[in-house]
Amino acid sequence: MPYLLEDASVRESPDGSLPLLSALVVLKDSGWPPSGFFKLARRPPYGRSGDDALP
């Protein structure tokens, strides 16, 4: 599943200008996206700041 979410985000905004579509997917227990979302957000072309984990 993580690869499908990554692919959907990259296809939707290959230049990183749009919000990551995968942010809509959250874990039931925490209500936060999975850690893979944060790793994707920090990669180019997105380059968002922050940690690779939940707060």
C-alpha atoms as a PDB file:
ATOM      1  CA  MET A   1       0.000   0.000   0.000  1.00  0.00           C
ATOM      2  CA  PRO A   2       2.747   2.569   0.740  1.00  0.00           C
ATOM      3  CA  TYR A   3       4.046   2.299  -2.823  1.00  0.00           C
ATOM      4  CA  LEU A   4       0.583   2.947  -4.237  1.00  0.00           C
ATOM      5  CA  LEU A   5       0.192   6.062  -2.094  1.00  0.00           C
ATOM      6  CA  GLU A   6       3.628   7.314  -3.087  1.00  0.00           C
ATOM      7  CA  ASP A   7       2.880   6.717  -6.763  1.00  0.00           C
ATOM      8  CA  ALA A   8      -0.441   8.562  -6.502  1.00  0.00           C
ATOM      9  CA  SER A   9       1.224  11.561  -4.852  1.00  0.00           C
ATOM     10  CA  VAL A  10       4.057  11.720  -7.370  1.00  0.00           C
ATOM     11  CA  ARG A  11       1.724  11.390 -10.362  1.00  0.00           C
ATOM     12  CA  GLU A  12      -0.634  14.056  -9.017  1.00  0.00           C
ATOM     13  CA  SER A  13       2.140  16.601  -8.428  1.00  0.00           C
ATOM     14  CA  PRO A  14       5.420  15.617 -10.088  1.00  0.00           C
ATOM     15  CA  ASP A  15       6.909  19.074  -9.519  1.00  0.00           C
ATOM     16  CA  GLY A  16       5.904  19.190  -5.831  1.00  0.00           C
ATOM     17  CA  SER A  17       3.707  22.261  -6.183  1.00  0.00           C
ATOM     18  CA  LEU A  18       0.468  20.619  -5.005  1.00  0.00           C
ATOM     19  CA  PRO A  19      -0.345  19.088  -1.602  1.00  0.00           C
ATOM     20  CA  LEU A  20       0.517  15.414  -1.259  1.00  0.00           C
ATOM     21  CA  LEU A  21      -2.563  13.337  -1.988  1.00  0.00           C
ATOM     22  CA  SER A  22      -1.324  10.634   0.383  1.00  0.00           C
ATOM     23  CA  ALA A  23      -1.897  12.998   3.341  1.00  0.00           C
ATOM     24  CA  LEU A  24      -5.551  11.982   3.173  1.00  0.00           C
ATOM     25  CA  VAL A  25      -4.652   8.482   4.366  1.00  0.00           C
ATOM     26  CA  VAL A  26      -4.290   8.318   8.144  1.00  0.00           C
ATOM     27  CA  LEU A  27      -3.751   5.561  10.679  1.00  0.00           C
ATOM     28  CA  LYS A  28      -6.885   4.613  12.574  1.00  0.00           C
ATOM     29  CA  ASP A  29      -5.211   4.565  16.008  1.00  0.00           C
ATOM     30  CA  SER A  30      -3.409   7.900  15.796  1.00  0.00           C
ATOM     31  CA  GLY A  31      -5.223   9.898  13.110  1.00  0.00           C
ATOM     32  CA  TRP A  32      -1.799  10.741  11.580  1.00  0.00           C
ATOM     33  CA  PRO A  33      -0.389   9.697   8.204  1.00  0.00           C
ATOM     34  CA  PRO A  34       2.057   6.750   8.297  1.00  0.00           C
ATOM     35  CA  SER A  35       5.794   7.493   8.645  1.00  0.00           C
ATOM     36  CA  GLY A  36       6.328   6.885   4.909  1.00  0.00           C
ATOM     37  CA  PHE A  37       4.290  10.014   4.209  1.00  0.00           C
ATOM     38  CA  PHE A  38       6.760  12.167   6.119  1.00  0.00           C
ATOM     39  CA  LYS A  39       9.716  10.587   4.319  1.00  0.00           C
ATOM     40  CA  LEU A  40       8.087  11.302   0.955  1.00  0.00           C
ATOM     41  CA  ALA A  41       7.333  14.899   1.959  1.00  0.00           C
ATOM     42  CA  ARG A  42      11.011  15.536   2.768  1.00  0.00           C
ATOM     43  CA  ARG A  43      12.269  14.172  -0.577  1.00  0.00           C
ATOM     44  CA  PRO A  44      12.740  16.293  -3.684  1.00  0.00           C
ATOM     45  CA  PRO A  45      10.800  17.806  -5.330  1.00  0.00           C
ATOM     46  CA  TYR A  46       8.581  18.293  -2.264  1.00  0.00           C
ATOM     47  CA  GLY A  47      11.330  19.285   0.185  1.00  0.00           C
ATOM     48  CA  ARG A  48       9.023  19.900   3.138  1.00  0.00           C
ATOM     49  CA  SER A  49      10.763  20.487   6.453  1.00  0.00           C
ATOM     50  CA  GLY A  50      10.236  18.367   9.538  1.00  0.00           C
ATOM     51  CA  ASP A  51      11.028  14.976  10.973  1.00  0.00           C
ATOM     52  CA  ASP A  52      10.495  11.576   9.421  1.00  0.00           C
ATOM     53  CA  ALA A  53       8.240  10.550  12.301  1.00  0.00           C
ATOM     54  CA  LEU A  54       5.147  11.604  14.161  1.00  0.00           C
ATOM     55  CA  PRO A  55       5.406  14.315  16.825  1.00  0.00           C
END
